[in-house]
Amino acid sequence: MLSLVAIVGPWWFDLVFVPGKYPCSSPFIRVRDDFCGIPMSGVWIFVGLANRLIEILKELVTGETVIINPVDAMLKFFLYCSLILILVLPLLTTWLLILRGDRKRNQIIHIVSWSLGLLCVIYIFGFHWPWALWGLWLYIGLAVVVLIVELLILALGIRVKQENEH
């Protein structure tokens, strides 16, 4: 549930140029010296990626490509699909653990998916955003906590199995 709440929460700002001598009015927040921004939901990331995927597919099918060549279009298509998958994969692996149990393979897949999601978010957004983007910070915090807990569970499970064998 927390990961869904995080994705629905704000992840980025839609920026508007407002010279520093003028105040930002609500719901805008001063983000940088001459920019105000309105917090935008993480859901818009998926919407934007999906829209771009559709545009790339149309360009490839019709041949009216804005992108320099079809190979670039396919690479961009693969990149956008990968980003969507990386951000959604932790939700899917969580359900896999809930429905199929704590098998070691499922735990490892779960740890890898949360690691990839965390690395992707940190790479794209970094740590330079204000706390107003609580959805992004919740996702990062949740990923860190999940990774710590899952690694502990995996380590304790292996240790218990080794003690039972002796």
Protein backbone atom coordinates (compact mmCIF):
# COMPACT_ATOMS: atom_id res chain seq x y z
CA MET A 1 0.00 0.00 0.00
CA LEU A 2 2.79 2.42 0.85
CA SER A 3 4.39 2.01 -2.56
CA LEU A 4 1.07 2.87 -4.24
CA VAL A 5 0.71 5.91 -1.97
CA ALA A 6 4.28 6.90 -2.87
CA ILE A 7 3.59 6.63 -6.61
CA VAL A 8 0.42 8.73 -6.29
CA GLY A 9 2.30 11.36 -4.27
CA PRO A 10 4.38 14.18 -5.78
CA TRP A 11 7.64 13.19 -7.51
CA TRP A 12 8.63 16.25 -9.52
CA PHE A 13 7.78 19.87 -10.16
CA ASP A 14 6.23 21.38 -13.25
CA LEU A 15 8.41 24.48 -13.37
CA VAL A 16 7.36 28.02 -14.30
CA PHE A 17 9.74 30.96 -14.66
CA VAL A 18 9.00 33.53 -11.96
CA PRO A 19 11.74 36.09 -11.24
CA GLY A 20 13.02 35.89 -7.68
CA LYS A 21 11.66 39.32 -6.74
CA TYR A 22 8.08 38.00 -7.12
CA PRO A 23 6.50 35.51 -4.71
CA CYS A 24 5.16 32.12 -5.75
CA SER A 25 1.45 31.77 -5.09
CA SER A 26 -0.16 28.57 -3.88
CA PRO A 27 -0.05 25.73 -5.02
CA PHE A 28 3.33 26.74 -6.50
CA ILE A 29 6.50 26.45 -4.42
CA ARG A 30 9.78 28.30 -4.96
CA VAL A 31 12.08 25.57 -6.31
CA ARG A 32 15.08 27.59 -7.52
CA ASP A 33 16.04 31.25 -7.69
CA ASP A 34 13.86 32.14 -10.67
CA PHE A 35 11.53 29.13 -10.81
CA CYS A 36 8.37 28.14 -9.04
CA GLY A 37 6.89 24.70 -9.41
CA ILE A 38 3.72 22.80 -8.78
CA PRO A 39 4.21 19.29 -7.34
CA MET A 40 3.23 16.57 -9.83
CA SER A 41 2.21 13.00 -9.05
CA GLY A 42 4.46 10.06 -9.89
CA VAL A 43 1.52 8.69 -11.87
CA TRP A 44 2.30 11.34 -14.51
CA ILE A 45 5.67 9.67 -15.06
CA PHE A 46 3.87 6.53 -16.22
CA VAL A 47 1.42 8.54 -18.30
CA GLY A 48 4.26 10.48 -19.94
CA LEU A 49 6.28 7.33 -20.64
CA ALA A 50 3.22 5.56 -22.07
CA ASN A 51 2.42 8.55 -24.31
CA ARG A 52 6.00 8.66 -25.56
CA LEU A 53 5.88 4.91 -26.29
CA ILE A 54 2.75 5.42 -28.40
CA GLU A 55 4.41 8.31 -30.27
CA ILE A 56 7.50 6.22 -31.02
CA LEU A 57 5.37 3.31 -32.24
CA LYS A 58 3.38 5.66 -34.52
CA GLU A 59 6.62 7.10 -35.90
CA LEU A 60 7.99 3.62 -36.59
CA VAL A 61 4.78 2.35 -38.23
CA THR A 62 4.10 5.41 -40.37
CA GLY A 63 7.74 6.06 -41.21
CA GLU A 64 7.26 9.74 -40.32
CA THR A 65 9.93 9.68 -37.69
CA VAL A 66 11.08 12.74 -35.84
CA ILE A 67 13.90 10.67 -34.44
CA ILE A 68 16.98 10.45 -36.69
CA ASN A 69 16.68 6.74 -37.51
CA PRO A 70 14.66 3.63 -36.61
CA VAL A 71 17.48 2.20 -34.50
CA ASP A 72 17.36 5.28 -32.24
CA ALA A 73 13.59 4.93 -32.07
CA MET A 74 13.86 1.29 -31.02
CA LEU A 75 16.49 2.13 -28.39
CA LYS A 76 14.28 4.87 -26.96
CA PHE A 77 11.29 2.50 -27.02
CA PHE A 78 13.33 -0.10 -25.11
CA LEU A 79 14.50 2.53 -22.61
CA TYR A 80 10.97 3.75 -21.88
CA CYS A 81 9.66 0.19 -21.51
CA SER A 82 12.55 -0.58 -19.15
CA LEU A 83 11.83 2.47 -17.02
CA ILE A 84 8.17 1.53 -16.67
CA LEU A 85 9.10 -2.05 -15.81
CA ILE A 86 11.76 -1.03 -13.27
CA LEU A 87 9.34 1.28 -11.45
CA VAL A 88 6.47 -1.24 -11.46
CA LEU A 89 8.50 -4.41 -10.83
CA PRO A 90 8.77 -3.95 -7.03
CA LEU A 91 4.96 -3.90 -6.80
CA LEU A 92 4.74 -7.09 -8.85
CA THR A 93 7.41 -8.92 -6.86
CA THR A 94 5.71 -7.90 -3.61
CA TRP A 95 2.53 -9.57 -4.84
CA LEU A 96 4.58 -12.57 -5.94
CA LEU A 97 5.92 -12.95 -2.39
CA ILE A 98 2.46 -12.56 -0.89
CA LEU A 99 0.82 -15.06 -3.23
CA ARG A 100 3.60 -17.62 -3.71
CA GLY A 101 5.48 -17.47 -0.42
CA ASP A 102 8.97 -16.70 0.75
CA ARG A 103 10.92 -19.01 -1.49
CA LYS A 104 14.57 -18.05 -1.73
CA ARG A 105 14.34 -17.38 -5.47
CA ASN A 106 11.31 -15.10 -5.00
CA GLN A 107 13.12 -13.24 -2.22
CA ILE A 108 16.17 -12.67 -4.40
CA ILE A 109 14.02 -11.45 -7.31
CA HIS A 110 12.23 -9.13 -4.87
CA ILE A 111 15.52 -7.73 -3.54
CA VAL A 112 16.85 -7.19 -7.08
CA SER A 113 13.64 -5.47 -8.22
CA TRP A 114 13.62 -3.04 -5.26
CA SER A 115 17.34 -2.40 -5.77
CA LEU A 116 16.78 -1.58 -9.44
CA GLY A 117 13.79 0.64 -8.60
CA LEU A 118 15.80 2.52 -5.98
CA LEU A 119 18.83 2.95 -8.23
CA CYS A 120 16.65 4.11 -11.12
CA VAL A 121 14.86 6.71 -8.98
CA ILE A 122 18.11 7.97 -7.46
CA TYR A 123 19.74 8.16 -10.90
CA ILE A 124 16.84 10.05 -12.46
CA PHE A 125 15.89 12.34 -9.58
CA GLY A 126 18.92 12.38 -7.29
CA PHE A 127 18.68 13.72 -3.75
CA HIS A 128 18.46 17.42 -4.52
CA TRP A 129 14.68 17.82 -4.32
CA PRO A 130 12.85 19.40 -1.39
CA TRP A 131 10.72 17.49 1.09
CA ALA A 132 7.58 18.80 -0.65
CA LEU A 133 8.07 15.87 -3.02
CA TRP A 134 7.03 13.45 -0.30
CA GLY A 135 5.94 10.76 -2.80
CA LEU A 136 9.46 10.49 -4.19
CA TRP A 137 11.00 10.48 -0.72
CA LEU A 138 8.46 7.91 0.50
CA TYR A 139 9.39 5.62 -2.41
CA ILE A 140 13.11 6.01 -1.65
CA GLY A 141 12.61 5.43 2.09
CA LEU A 142 10.32 2.50 1.50
CA ALA A 143 12.81 0.92 -0.90
CA VAL A 144 15.62 1.28 1.65
CA VAL A 145 13.51 -0.22 4.45
CA VAL A 146 12.26 -3.07 2.26
CA LEU A 147 15.80 -3.88 1.16
CA ILE A 148 17.11 -3.91 4.74
CA VAL A 149 14.23 -6.08 5.98
CA GLU A 150 14.38 -8.48 3.03
CA LEU A 151 18.15 -8.88 3.30
CA LEU A 152 17.82 -9.57 7.04
CA ILE A 153 15.05 -12.11 6.43
CA LEU A 154 17.09 -13.79 3.71
CA ALA A 155 20.22 -13.86 5.89
CA LEU A 156 18.35 -15.17 8.94
CA GLY A 157 16.61 -17.80 6.83
CA ILE A 158 19.93 -19.05 5.50
CA ARG A 159 21.45 -19.01 9.00
CA VAL A 160 18.49 -20.96 10.47
CA LYS A 161 18.76 -23.56 7.69
CA GLN A 162 22.52 -23.94 8.30
CA GLU A 163 21.98 -24.36 12.07
CA ASN A 164 19.29 -26.98 11.46
CA GLU A 165 21.66 -28.94 9.21
CA HIS A 166 24.30 -29.21 11.99
